Amino acid sequence: MPKSKRAPIKRRFASKGRSKAAARKSAAPHNRTRELSKQARVLALLRRPKGATIASIMEITGWQPHSVRGFFAGVVRKKLGLKLASEKTNGGRVYRIAGGDKPGVIEPDTSAAQPGA
């Protein structure tokens, strides 16, 4: 039995213009936090000198308490590498981003990157 000969399939590309890589380069960078996002609002609260409570963060974001604590651990500490200080007060526990004396300067948390001895 002879094998059937099929003509090679011609592949057509959907876009003949710019490549995907060129389109990605011209797009806006996504590494900045949007000003009105929940993450930006929570970080602004944490940067205040008086800090923020879990209850206040729950109120502005609509998150559950475990979600706020997860945000602290996953985003603030791990992803952004910031030091998060907490203090027990009469009104409850207050969290703030620890760092330098200047409001715009935040020291990254280097203790997480170093292995424990």
PDB file of N, CA and C in Angstrom:
ATOM      1  N   MET A   1       0.824  -1.183   0.000  1.00  0.00           N
ATOM      2  CA  MET A   1       0.000   0.000   0.000  1.00  0.00           C
ATOM      3  C   MET A   1       0.868   1.247   0.000  1.00  0.00           C
ATOM      4  N   PRO A   2       0.639   2.087  -0.938  1.00  0.00           N
ATOM      5  CA  PRO A   2       1.440   3.308  -0.982  1.00  0.00           C
ATOM      6  C   PRO A   2       0.972   4.292   0.105  1.00  0.00           C
ATOM      7  N   LYS A   3       1.943   5.008   0.657  1.00  0.00           N
ATOM      8  CA  LYS A   3       1.611   6.037   1.661  1.00  0.00           C
ATOM      9  C   LYS A   3       1.019   7.235   0.943  1.00  0.00           C
ATOM     10  N   SER A   4       0.022   7.801   1.576  1.00  0.00           N
ATOM     11  CA  SER A   4      -0.591   8.980   0.960  1.00  0.00           C
ATOM     12  C   SER A   4       0.308  10.188   1.171  1.00  0.00           C
ATOM     13  N   LYS A   5       0.434  10.942   0.131  1.00  0.00           N
ATOM     14  CA  LYS A   5       1.255  12.140   0.215  1.00  0.00           C
ATOM     15  C   LYS A   5       0.342  13.330   0.427  1.00  0.00           C
ATOM     16  N   ARG A   6       0.649  14.037   1.522  1.00  0.00           N
ATOM     17  CA  ARG A   6      -0.130  15.242   1.796  1.00  0.00           C
ATOM     18  C   ARG A   6       0.749  16.458   1.575  1.00  0.00           C
ATOM     19  N   ALA A   7       0.130  17.482   1.126  1.00  0.00           N
ATOM     20  CA  ALA A   7       0.860  18.733   0.925  1.00  0.00           C
ATOM     21  C   ALA A   7       1.208  19.326   2.283  1.00  0.00           C
ATOM     22  N   PRO A   8       2.372  19.937   2.409  1.00  0.00           N
ATOM     23  CA  PRO A   8       2.738  20.554   3.691  1.00  0.00           C
ATOM     24  C   PRO A   8       1.759  21.682   4.029  1.00  0.00           C
ATOM     25  N   ILE A   9       1.470  21.792   5.310  1.00  0.00           N
ATOM     26  CA  ILE A   9       0.516  22.804   5.773  1.00  0.00           C
ATOM     27  C   ILE A   9       1.242  24.142   5.900  1.00  0.00           C
ATOM     28  N   LYS A  10       0.669  25.136   5.293  1.00  0.00           N
ATOM     29  CA  LYS A  10       1.232  26.474   5.396  1.00  0.00           C
ATOM     30  C   LYS A  10       0.649  27.126   6.658  1.00  0.00           C
ATOM     31  N   ARG A  11       1.545  27.596   7.476  1.00  0.00           N
ATOM     32  CA  ARG A  11       1.092  28.231   8.710  1.00  0.00           C
ATOM     33  C   ARG A  11       0.966  29.724   8.482  1.00  0.00           C
ATOM     34  N   ARG A  12      -0.126  30.251   8.964  1.00  0.00           N
ATOM     35  CA  ARG A  12      -0.354  31.689   8.841  1.00  0.00           C
ATOM     36  C   ARG A  12      -0.294  32.309  10.225  1.00  0.00           C
ATOM     37  N   PHE A  13       0.317  33.452  10.297  1.00  0.00           N
ATOM     38  CA  PHE A  13       0.421  34.138  11.572  1.00  0.00           C
ATOM     39  C   PHE A  13      -0.708  35.140  11.684  1.00  0.00           C
ATOM     40  N   ALA A  14      -1.254  35.234  12.888  1.00  0.00           N
ATOM     41  CA  ALA A  14      -2.395  36.115  13.113  1.00  0.00           C
ATOM     42  C   ALA A  14      -2.009  37.575  12.937  1.00  0.00           C
ATOM     43  N   SER A  15      -0.849  37.944  13.424  1.00  0.00           N
ATOM     44  CA  SER A  15      -0.450  39.347  13.294  1.00  0.00           C
ATOM     45  C   SER A  15       0.824  39.433  12.487  1.00  0.00           C
ATOM     46  N   LYS A  16       0.763  40.191  11.439  1.00  0.00           N
ATOM     47  CA  LYS A  16       1.944  40.355  10.597  1.00  0.00           C
ATOM     48  C   LYS A  16       2.724  41.595  11.004  1.00  0.00           C
ATOM     49  N   GLY A  17       2.117  42.420  11.855  1.00  0.00           N
ATOM     50  CA  GLY A  17       2.760  43.668  12.273  1.00  0.00           C
ATOM     51  C   GLY A  17       3.846  43.419  13.296  1.00  0.00           C
ATOM     52  N   ARG A  18       3.718  44.014  14.452  1.00  0.00           N
ATOM     53  CA  ARG A  18       4.741  43.915  15.486  1.00  0.00           C
ATOM     54  C   ARG A  18       4.705  42.555  16.169  1.00  0.00           C
ATOM     55  N   SER A  19       5.832  42.149  16.630  1.00  0.00           N
ATOM     56  CA  SER A  19       5.894  40.892  17.363  1.00  0.00           C
ATOM     57  C   SER A  19       5.326  41.094  18.766  1.00  0.00           C
ATOM     58  N   LYS A  20       5.066  39.996  19.468  1.00  0.00           N
ATOM     59  CA  LYS A  20       4.523  40.086  20.820  1.00  0.00           C
ATOM     60  C   LYS A  20       5.507  40.764  21.757  1.00  0.00           C
ATOM     61  N   ALA A  21       6.790  40.499  21.585  1.00  0.00           N
ATOM     62  CA  ALA A  21       7.809  41.103  22.443  1.00  0.00           C
ATOM     63  C   ALA A  21       7.834  42.617  22.263  1.00  0.00           C
ATOM     64  N   ALA A  22       7.706  43.081  21.039  1.00  0.00           N
ATOM     65  CA  ALA A  22       7.704  44.518  20.789  1.00  0.00           C
ATOM     66  C   ALA A  22       6.452  45.160  21.372  1.00  0.00           C
ATOM     67  N   ALA A  23       5.344  44.471  21.307  1.00  0.00           N
ATOM     68  CA  ALA A  23       4.112  45.006  21.868  1.00  0.00           C
ATOM     69  C   ALA A  23       4.211  45.101  23.386  1.00  0.00           C
ATOM     70  N   ARG A  24       4.862  44.103  24.023  1.00  0.00           N
ATOM     71  CA  ARG A  24       5.017  44.123  25.469  1.00  0.00           C
ATOM     72  C   ARG A  24       5.929  45.250  25.923  1.00  0.00           C
ATOM     73  N   LYS A  25       6.968  45.526  25.151  1.00  0.00           N
ATOM     74  CA  LYS A  25       7.906  46.579  25.525  1.00  0.00           C
ATOM     75  C   LYS A  25       7.251  47.952  25.473  1.00  0.00           C
ATOM     76  N   SER A  26       6.337  48.153  24.557  1.00  0.00           N
ATOM     77  CA  SER A  26       5.707  49.459  24.430  1.00  0.00           C
ATOM     78  C   SER A  26       4.578  49.663  25.435  1.00  0.00           C
ATOM     79  N   ALA A  27       4.143  48.595  26.088  1.00  0.00           N
ATOM     80  CA  ALA A  27       3.070  48.716  27.065  1.00  0.00           C
ATOM     81  C   ALA A  27       3.595  49.389  28.328  1.00  0.00           C
ATOM     82  N   ALA A  28       2.688  49.929  29.111  1.00  0.00           N
ATOM     83  CA  ALA A  28       3.065  50.604  30.351  1.00  0.00           C
ATOM     84  C   ALA A  28       3.628  49.588  31.346  1.00  0.00           C
ATOM     85  N   PRO A  29       4.606  49.984  32.146  1.00  0.00           N
ATOM     86  CA  PRO A  29       5.170  49.042  33.117  1.00  0.00           C
ATOM     87  C   PRO A  29       4.164  48.711  34.214  1.00  0.00           C
ATOM     88  N   HIS A  30       4.179  47.441  34.647  1.00  0.00           N
ATOM     89  CA  HIS A  30       3.211  46.994  35.642  1.00  0.00           C
ATOM     90  C   HIS A  30       3.829  46.851  37.022  1.00  0.00           C
ATOM     91  N   ASN A  31       5.045  47.331  37.216  1.00  0.00           N
ATOM     92  CA  ASN A  31       5.697  47.138  38.489  1.00  0.00           C
ATOM     93  C   ASN A  31       5.342  48.191  39.532  1.00  0.00           C
ATOM     94  N   ARG A  32       4.573  49.167  39.185  1.00  0.00           N
ATOM     95  CA  ARG A  32       4.164  50.188  40.143  1.00  0.00           C
ATOM     96  C   ARG A  32       2.765  49.891  40.657  1.00  0.00           C
ATOM     97  N   THR A  33       2.536  50.219  41.924  1.00  0.00           N
ATOM     98  CA  THR A  33       1.227  50.019  42.524  1.00  0.00           C
ATOM     99  C   THR A  33       0.312  51.164  42.106  1.00  0.00           C
ATOM    100  N   ARG A  34      -0.889  50.834  41.745  1.00  0.00           N
ATOM    101  CA  ARG A  34      -1.850  51.876  41.398  1.00  0.00           C
ATOM    102  C   ARG A  34      -2.170  52.687  42.647  1.00  0.00           C
ATOM    103  N   GLU A  35      -2.370  53.972  42.491  1.00  0.00           N
ATOM    104  CA  GLU A  35      -2.549  54.862  43.632  1.00  0.00           C
ATOM    105  C   GLU A  35      -3.813  54.560  44.428  1.00  0.00           C
ATOM    106  N   LEU A  36      -4.849  54.122  43.797  1.00  0.00           N
ATOM    107  CA  LEU A  36      -6.120  53.922  44.488  1.00  0.00           C
ATOM    108  C   LEU A  36      -6.409  52.454  44.798  1.00  0.00           C
ATOM    109  N   SER A  37      -5.435  51.592  44.624  1.00  0.00           N
ATOM    110  CA  SER A  37      -5.660  50.177  44.893  1.00  0.00           C
ATOM    111  C   SER A  37      -5.736  49.936  46.393  1.00  0.00           C
ATOM    112  N   LYS A  38      -6.280  48.805  46.765  1.00  0.00           N
ATOM    113  CA  LYS A  38      -6.364  48.465  48.178  1.00  0.00           C
ATOM    114  C   LYS A  38      -4.974  48.350  48.778  1.00  0.00           C
ATOM    115  N   GLN A  39      -4.051  47.765  48.024  1.00  0.00           N
ATOM    116  CA  GLN A  39      -2.695  47.617  48.516  1.00  0.00           C
ATOM    117  C   GLN A  39      -2.080  48.980  48.815  1.00  0.00           C
ATOM    118  N   ALA A  40      -2.248  49.937  47.936  1.00  0.00           N
ATOM    119  CA  ALA A  40      -1.690  51.271  48.139  1.00  0.00           C
ATOM    120  C   ALA A  40      -2.320  51.951  49.344  1.00  0.00           C
ATOM    121  N   ARG A  41      -3.633  51.775  49.527  1.00  0.00           N
ATOM    122  CA  ARG A  41      -4.302  52.388  50.677  1.00  0.00           C
ATOM    123  C   ARG A  41      -3.835  51.779  51.987  1.00  0.00           C
ATOM    124  N   VAL A  42      -3.647  50.464  52.019  1.00  0.00           N
ATOM    125  CA  VAL A  42      -3.181  49.801  53.241  1.00  0.00           C
ATOM    126  C   VAL A  42      -1.754  50.242  53.554  1.00  0.00           C
ATOM    127  N   LEU A  43      -0.900  50.298  52.555  1.00  0.00           N
ATOM    128  CA  LEU A  43       0.475  50.727  52.780  1.00  0.00           C
ATOM    129  C   LEU A  43       0.531  52.171  53.259  1.00  0.00           C
ATOM    130  N   ALA A  44      -0.355  53.035  52.757  1.00  0.00           N
ATOM    131  CA  ALA A  44      -0.404  54.418  53.225  1.00  0.00           C
ATOM    132  C   ALA A  44      -0.795  54.476  54.701  1.00  0.00           C
ATOM    133  N   LEU A  45      -1.747  53.633  55.108  1.00  0.00           N
ATOM    134  CA  LEU A  45      -2.127  53.583  56.521  1.00  0.00           C
ATOM    135  C   LEU A  45      -0.970  53.106  57.387  1.00  0.00           C
ATOM    136  N   LEU A  46      -0.259  52.094  56.920  1.00  0.00           N
ATOM    137  CA  LEU A  46       0.846  51.544  57.693  1.00  0.00           C
ATOM    138  C   LEU A  46       2.027  52.506  57.775  1.00  0.00           C
ATOM    139  N   ARG A  47       2.152  53.400  56.815  1.00  0.00           N
ATOM    140  CA  ARG A  47       3.261  54.358  56.816  1.00  0.00           C
ATOM    141  C   ARG A  47       2.994  55.546  57.724  1.00  0.00           C
ATOM    142  N   ARG A  48       1.767  55.743  58.154  1.00  0.00           N
ATOM    143  CA  ARG A  48       1.468  56.856  59.058  1.00  0.00           C
ATOM    144  C   ARG A  48       2.218  56.660  60.371  1.00  0.00           C
ATOM    145  N   PRO A  49       2.587  57.740  61.041  1.00  0.00           N
ATOM    146  CA  PRO A  49       3.296  57.607  62.320  1.00  0.00           C
ATOM    147  C   PRO A  49       2.484  56.857  63.377  1.00  0.00           C
ATOM    148  N   LYS A  50       1.167  57.033  63.374  1.00  0.00           N
ATOM    149  CA  LYS A  50       0.362  56.324  64.376  1.00  0.00           C
ATOM    150  C   LYS A  50      -0.026  54.914  63.926  1.00  0.00           C
ATOM    151  N   GLY A  51       0.283  54.545  62.680  1.00  0.00           N
ATOM    152  CA  GLY A  51       0.036  53.193  62.197  1.00  0.00           C
ATOM    153  C   GLY A  51      -1.439  52.906  61.942  1.00  0.00           C
ATOM    154  N   ALA A  52      -1.791  51.617  61.954  1.00  0.00           N
ATOM    155  CA  ALA A  52      -3.163  51.195  61.681  1.00  0.00           C
ATOM    156  C   ALA A  52      -3.456  49.904  62.431  1.00  0.00           C
ATOM    157  N   THR A  53      -4.717  49.693  62.751  1.00  0.00           N
ATOM    158  CA  THR A  53      -5.142  48.448  63.380  1.00  0.00           C
ATOM    159  C   THR A  53      -5.710  47.529  62.311  1.00  0.00           C
ATOM    160  N   ILE A  54      -5.848  46.268  62.649  1.00  0.00           N
ATOM    161  CA  ILE A  54      -6.458  45.320  61.712  1.00  0.00           C
ATOM    162  C   ILE A  54      -7.894  45.742  61.420  1.00  0.00           C
ATOM    163  N   ALA A  55      -8.585  46.245  62.449  1.00  0.00           N
ATOM    164  CA  ALA A  55      -9.978  46.676  62.262  1.00  0.00           C
ATOM    165  C   ALA A  55     -10.083  47.829  61.268  1.00  0.00           C
ATOM    166  N   SER A  56      -9.164  48.792  61.341  1.00  0.00           N
ATOM    167  CA  SER A  56      -9.228  49.920  60.406  1.00  0.00           C
ATOM    168  C   SER A  56      -8.928  49.475  58.977  1.00  0.00           C
ATOM    169  N   ILE A  57      -8.009  48.525  58.835  1.00  0.00           N
ATOM    170  CA  ILE A  57      -7.690  48.015  57.500  1.00  0.00           C
ATOM    171  C   ILE A  57      -8.861  47.196  56.959  1.00  0.00           C
ATOM    172  N   MET A  58      -9.502  46.423  57.827  1.00  0.00           N
ATOM    173  CA  MET A  58     -10.686  45.660  57.408  1.00  0.00           C
ATOM    174  C   MET A  58     -11.771  46.597  56.905  1.00  0.00           C
ATOM    175  N   GLU A  59     -11.918  47.739  57.559  1.00  0.00           N
ATOM    176  CA  GLU A  59     -12.972  48.691  57.202  1.00  0.00           C
ATOM    177  C   GLU A  59     -12.755  49.294  55.814  1.00  0.00           C
ATOM    178  N   ILE A  60     -11.505  49.656  55.491  1.00  0.00           N
ATOM    179  CA  ILE A  60     -11.285  50.306  54.190  1.00  0.00           C
ATOM    180  C   ILE A  60     -11.180  49.312  53.039  1.00  0.00           C
ATOM    181  N   THR A  61     -10.828  48.050  53.337  1.00  0.00           N
ATOM    182  CA  THR A  61     -10.644  47.084  52.260  1.00  0.00           C
ATOM    183  C   THR A  61     -11.799  46.104  52.106  1.00  0.00           C
ATOM    184  N   GLY A  62     -12.527  45.852  53.196  1.00  0.00           N
ATOM    185  CA  GLY A  62     -13.581  44.840  53.157  1.00  0.00           C
ATOM    186  C   GLY A  62     -13.039  43.435  53.355  1.00  0.00           C
ATOM    187  N   TRP A  63     -11.774  43.321  53.773  1.00  0.00           N
ATOM    188  CA  TRP A  63     -11.148  42.023  53.990  1.00  0.00           C
ATOM    189  C   TRP A  63     -11.506  41.451  55.348  1.00  0.00           C
ATOM    190  N   GLN A  64     -11.348  40.142  55.486  1.00  0.00           N
ATOM    191  CA  GLN A  64     -11.489  39.459  56.767  1.00  0.00           C
ATOM    192  C   GLN A  64     -10.162  39.604  57.531  1.00  0.00           C
ATOM    193  N   PRO A  65     -10.190  39.394  58.859  1.00  0.00           N
ATOM    194  CA  PRO A  65      -8.954  39.564  59.640  1.00  0.00           C
ATOM    195  C   PRO A  65      -7.810  38.661  59.176  1.00  0.00           C
ATOM    196  N   HIS A  66      -8.124  37.431  58.789  1.00  0.00           N
ATOM    197  CA  HIS A  66      -7.062  36.530  58.339  1.00  0.00           C
ATOM    198  C   HIS A  66      -6.464  36.990  57.012  1.00  0.00           C
ATOM    199  N   SER A  67      -7.241  37.681  56.197  1.00  0.00           N
ATOM    200  CA  SER A  67      -6.725  38.209  54.937  1.00  0.00           C
ATOM    201  C   SER A  67      -5.768  39.369  55.186  1.00  0.00           C
ATOM    202  N   VAL A  68      -6.084  40.196  56.179  1.00  0.00           N
ATOM    203  CA  VAL A  68      -5.206  41.310  56.527  1.00  0.00           C
ATOM    204  C   VAL A  68      -3.871  40.770  57.046  1.00  0.00           C
ATOM    205  N   ARG A  69      -3.930  39.783  57.914  1.00  0.00           N
ATOM    206  CA  ARG A  69      -2.694  39.200  58.447  1.00  0.00           C
ATOM    207  C   ARG A  69      -1.895  38.510  57.337  1.00  0.00           C
ATOM    208  N   GLY A  70      -2.583  37.880  56.407  1.00  0.00           N
ATOM    209  CA  GLY A  70      -1.911  37.269  55.262  1.00  0.00           C
ATOM    210  C   GLY A  70      -1.260  38.308  54.374  1.00  0.00           C
ATOM    211  N   PHE A  71      -1.898  39.456  54.206  1.00  0.00           N
ATOM    212  CA  PHE A  71      -1.325  40.561  53.443  1.00  0.00           C
ATOM    213  C   PHE A  71      -0.047  41.052  54.114  1.00  0.00           C
ATOM    214  N   PHE A  72      -0.082  41.153  55.445  1.00  0.00           N
ATOM    215  CA  PHE A  72       1.108  41.579  56.187  1.00  0.00           C
ATOM    216  C   PHE A  72       2.261  40.621  55.923  1.00  0.00           C
ATOM    217  N   ALA A  73       1.997  39.329  56.043  1.00  0.00           N
ATOM    218  CA  ALA A  73       3.062  38.331  55.904  1.00  0.00           C
ATOM    219  C   ALA A  73       3.518  38.184  54.452  1.00  0.00           C
ATOM    220  N   GLY A  74       2.576  38.060  53.540  1.00  0.00           N
ATOM    221  CA  GLY A  74       2.912  37.756  52.154  1.00  0.00           C
ATOM    222  C   GLY A  74       3.365  38.933  51.340  1.00  0.00           C
ATOM    223  N   VAL A  75       2.705  40.064  51.480  1.00  0.00           N
ATOM    224  CA  VAL A  75       3.021  41.217  50.641  1.00  0.00           C
ATOM    225  C   VAL A  75       4.001  42.153  51.339  1.00  0.00           C
ATOM    226  N   VAL A  76       3.626  42.598  52.536  1.00  0.00           N
ATOM    227  CA  VAL A  76       4.448  43.607  53.205  1.00  0.00           C
ATOM    228  C   VAL A  76       5.813  43.033  53.563  1.00  0.00           C
ATOM    229  N   ARG A  77       5.823  41.872  54.195  1.00  0.00           N
ATOM    230  CA  ARG A  77       7.100  41.321  54.657  1.00  0.00           C
ATOM    231  C   ARG A  77       7.863  40.592  53.564  1.00  0.00           C
ATOM    232  N   LYS A  78       7.218  39.665  52.869  1.00  0.00           N
ATOM    233  CA  LYS A  78       7.940  38.837  51.905  1.00  0.00           C
ATOM    234  C   LYS A  78       8.139  39.530  50.564  1.00  0.00           C
ATOM    235  N   LYS A  79       7.074  39.972  49.936  1.00  0.00           N
ATOM    236  CA  LYS A  79       7.174  40.527  48.587  1.00  0.00           C
ATOM    237  C   LYS A  79       7.883  41.884  48.580  1.00  0.00           C
ATOM    238  N   LEU A  80       7.483  42.788  49.478  1.00  0.00           N
ATOM    239  CA  LEU A  80       8.073  44.120  49.499  1.00  0.00           C
ATOM    240  C   LEU A  80       9.306  44.200  50.384  1.00  0.00           C
ATOM    241  N   GLY A  81       9.493  43.233  51.281  1.00  0.00           N
ATOM    242  CA  GLY A  81      10.667  43.196  52.139  1.00  0.00           C
ATOM    243  C   GLY A  81      10.728  44.307  53.164  1.00  0.00           C
ATOM    244  N   LEU A  82       9.566  44.752  53.659  1.00  0.00           N
ATOM    245  CA  LEU A  82       9.525  45.837  54.627  1.00  0.00           C
ATOM    246  C   LEU A  82       9.450  45.294  56.047  1.00  0.00           C
ATOM    247  N   LYS A  83       9.949  46.080  57.000  1.00  0.00           N
ATOM    248  CA  LYS A  83       9.846  45.709  58.407  1.00  0.00           C
ATOM    249  C   LYS A  83       8.493  46.174  58.913  1.00  0.00           C
ATOM    250  N   LEU A  84       7.760  45.272  59.507  1.00  0.00           N
ATOM    251  CA  LEU A  84       6.443  45.600  60.041  1.00  0.00           C
ATOM    252  C   LEU A  84       6.524  45.500  61.553  1.00  0.00           C
ATOM    253  N   ALA A  85       6.301  46.618  62.217  1.00  0.00           N
ATOM    254  CA  ALA A  85       6.359  46.649  63.676  1.00  0.00           C
ATOM    255  C   ALA A  85       4.937  46.651  64.217  1.00  0.00           C
ATOM    256  N   SER A  86       4.737  45.940  65.324  1.00  0.00           N
ATOM    257  CA  SER A  86       3.428  45.948  65.969  1.00  0.00           C
ATOM    258  C   SER A  86       3.606  46.334  67.423  1.00  0.00           C
ATOM    259  N   GLU A  87       2.591  47.000  67.956  1.00  0.00           N
ATOM    260  CA  GLU A  87       2.644  47.487  69.327  1.00  0.00           C
ATOM    261  C   GLU A  87       1.270  47.312  69.964  1.00  0.00           C
ATOM    262  N   LYS A  88       1.242  46.771  71.154  1.00  0.00           N
ATOM    263  CA  LYS A  88      -0.010  46.571  71.883  1.00  0.00           C
ATOM    264  C   LYS A  88      -0.356  47.870  72.603  1.00  0.00           C
ATOM    265  N   THR A  89      -1.559  48.404  72.346  1.00  0.00           N
ATOM    266  CA  THR A  89      -2.028  49.632  72.998  1.00  0.00           C
ATOM    267  C   THR A  89      -3.383  49.364  73.623  1.00  0.00           C
ATOM    268  N   ASN A  90      -3.944  50.396  74.232  1.00  0.00           N
ATOM    269  CA  ASN A  90      -5.271  50.259  74.841  1.00  0.00           C
ATOM    270  C   ASN A  90      -6.346  49.965  73.798  1.00  0.00           C
ATOM    271  N   GLY A  91      -6.184  50.510  72.609  1.00  0.00           N
ATOM    272  CA  GLY A  91      -7.160  50.324  71.547  1.00  0.00           C
ATOM    273  C   GLY A  91      -6.955  49.041  70.750  1.00  0.00           C
ATOM    274  N   GLY A  92      -5.986  48.240  71.105  1.00  0.00           N
ATOM    275  CA  GLY A  92      -5.688  47.020  70.364  1.00  0.00           C
ATOM    276  C   GLY A  92      -4.286  47.057  69.819  1.00  0.00           C
ATOM    277  N   ARG A  93      -3.971  46.136  68.942  1.00  0.00           N
ATOM    278  CA  ARG A  93      -2.634  46.066  68.370  1.00  0.00           C
ATOM    279  C   ARG A  93      -2.548  47.008  67.171  1.00  0.00           C
ATOM    280  N   VAL A  94      -1.490  47.826  67.159  1.00  0.00           N
ATOM    281  CA  VAL A  94      -1.270  48.796  66.096  1.00  0.00           C
ATOM    282  C   VAL A  94      -0.058  48.355  65.287  1.00  0.00           C
ATOM    283  N   TYR A  95      -0.211  48.343  63.964  1.00  0.00           N
ATOM    284  CA  TYR A  95       0.856  47.941  63.052  1.00  0.00           C
ATOM    285  C   TYR A  95       1.338  49.160  62.293  1.00  0.00           C
ATOM    286  N   ARG A  96       2.645  49.218  62.076  1.00  0.00           N
ATOM    287  CA  ARG A  96       3.214  50.287  61.256  1.00  0.00           C
ATOM    288  C   ARG A  96       4.464  49.766  60.582  1.00  0.00           C
ATOM    289  N   ILE A  97       4.813  50.403  59.487  1.00  0.00           N
ATOM    290  CA  ILE A  97       6.037  50.038  58.785  1.00  0.00           C
ATOM    291  C   ILE A  97       7.177  50.725  59.511  1.00  0.00           C
ATOM    292  N   ALA A  98       8.092  49.926  60.046  1.00  0.00           N
ATOM    293  CA  ALA A  98       9.230  50.453  60.780  1.00  0.00           C
ATOM    294  C   ALA A  98      10.286  50.897  59.795  1.00  0.00           C
ATOM    295  N   GLY A  99      10.991  51.945  60.156  1.00  0.00           N
ATOM    296  CA  GLY A  99      12.048  52.393  59.254  1.00  0.00           C
ATOM    297  C   GLY A  99      12.680  53.651  59.753  1.00  0.00           C
ATOM    298  N   GLY A 100      13.229  54.417  58.829  1.00  0.00           N
ATOM    299  CA  GLY A 100      13.943  55.640  59.149  1.00  0.00           C
ATOM    300  C   GLY A 100      13.025  56.717  59.662  1.00  0.00           C
ATOM    301  N   ASP A 101      13.643  57.862  60.019  1.00  0.00           N
ATOM    302  CA  ASP A 101      12.897  58.992  60.560  1.00  0.00           C
ATOM    303  C   ASP A 101      12.130  59.731  59.485  1.00  0.00           C
ATOM    304  N   LYS A 102      12.598  59.625  58.237  1.00  0.00           N
ATOM    305  CA  LYS A 102      11.946  60.332  57.148  1.00  0.00           C
ATOM    306  C   LYS A 102      10.760  59.510  56.651  1.00  0.00           C
ATOM    307  N   PRO A 103       9.602  60.147  56.367  1.00  0.00           N
ATOM    308  CA  PRO A 103       8.419  59.387  55.965  1.00  0.00           C
ATOM    309  C   PRO A 103       8.558  58.655  54.643  1.00  0.00           C
ATOM    310  N   GLY A 104       9.377  59.128  53.723  1.00  0.00           N
ATOM    311  CA  GLY A 104       9.519  58.473  52.429  1.00  0.00           C
ATOM    312  C   GLY A 104      10.542  57.349  52.416  1.00  0.00           C
ATOM    313  N   VAL A 105      11.363  57.269  53.475  1.00  0.00           N
ATOM    314  CA  VAL A 105      12.431  56.275  53.515  1.00  0.00           C
ATOM    315  C   VAL A 105      11.978  55.078  54.326  1.00  0.00           C
ATOM    316  N   ILE A 106      12.043  53.904  53.718  1.00  0.00           N
ATOM    317  CA  ILE A 106      11.649  52.669  54.391  1.00  0.00           C
ATOM    318  C   ILE A 106      12.779  51.673  54.218  1.00  0.00           C
ATOM    319  N   GLU A 107      13.246  51.134  55.335  1.00  0.00           N
ATOM    320  CA  GLU A 107      14.328  50.174  55.275  1.00  0.00           C
ATOM    321  C   GLU A 107      13.771  48.786  54.999  1.00  0.00           C
ATOM    322  N   PRO A 108      14.363  48.049  54.060  1.00  0.00           N
ATOM    323  CA  PRO A 108      13.896  46.683  53.813  1.00  0.00           C
ATOM    324  C   PRO A 108      14.282  45.766  54.962  1.00  0.00           C
ATOM    325  N   ASP A 109      13.503  44.722  55.154  1.00  0.00           N
ATOM    326  CA  ASP A 109      13.741  43.748  56.205  1.00  0.00           C
ATOM    327  C   ASP A 109      14.809  42.785  55.734  1.00  0.00           C
ATOM    328  N   THR A 110      16.005  42.892  56.317  1.00  0.00           N
ATOM    329  CA  THR A 110      17.108  42.014  55.909  1.00  0.00           C
ATOM    330  C   THR A 110      17.180  40.751  56.759  1.00  0.00           C
ATOM    331  N   SER A 111      16.458  40.706  57.853  1.00  0.00           N
ATOM    332  CA  SER A 111      16.530  39.534  58.729  1.00  0.00           C
ATOM    333  C   SER A 111      15.883  38.308  58.096  1.00  0.00           C
ATOM    334  N   ALA A 112      14.903  38.508  57.224  1.00  0.00           N
ATOM    335  CA  ALA A 112      14.226  37.386  56.573  1.00  0.00           C
ATOM    336  C   ALA A 112      15.145  36.720  55.547  1.00  0.00           C
ATOM    337  N   ALA A 113      16.046  37.489  54.958  1.00  0.00           N
ATOM    338  CA  ALA A 113      16.919  36.944  53.923  1.00  0.00           C
ATOM    339  C   ALA A 113      18.108  36.173  54.510  1.00  0.00           C
ATOM    340  N   GLN A 114      18.433  36.473  55.771  1.00  0.00           N
ATOM    341  CA  GLN A 114      19.576  35.813  56.389  1.00  0.00           C
ATOM    342  C   GLN A 114      19.123  34.522  57.071  1.00  0.00           C
ATOM    343  N   PRO A 115      19.862  33.442  56.887  1.00  0.00           N
ATOM    344  CA  PRO A 115      19.496  32.191  57.550  1.00  0.00           C
ATOM    345  C   PRO A 115      19.742  32.296  59.053  1.00  0.00           C
ATOM    346  N   GLY A 116      18.862  31.675  59.828  1.00  0.00           N
ATOM    347  CA  GLY A 116      18.981  31.702  61.282  1.00  0.00           C
ATOM    348  C   GLY A 116      20.155  30.859  61.751  1.00  0.00           C
ATOM    349  N   ALA A 117      20.825  31.334  62.799  1.00  0.00           N
ATOM    350  CA  ALA A 117      21.990  30.605  63.297  1.00  0.00           C
ATOM    351  C   ALA A 117      21.623  29.697  64.430  1.00  0.00           C
TER     352      ALA A 117
END
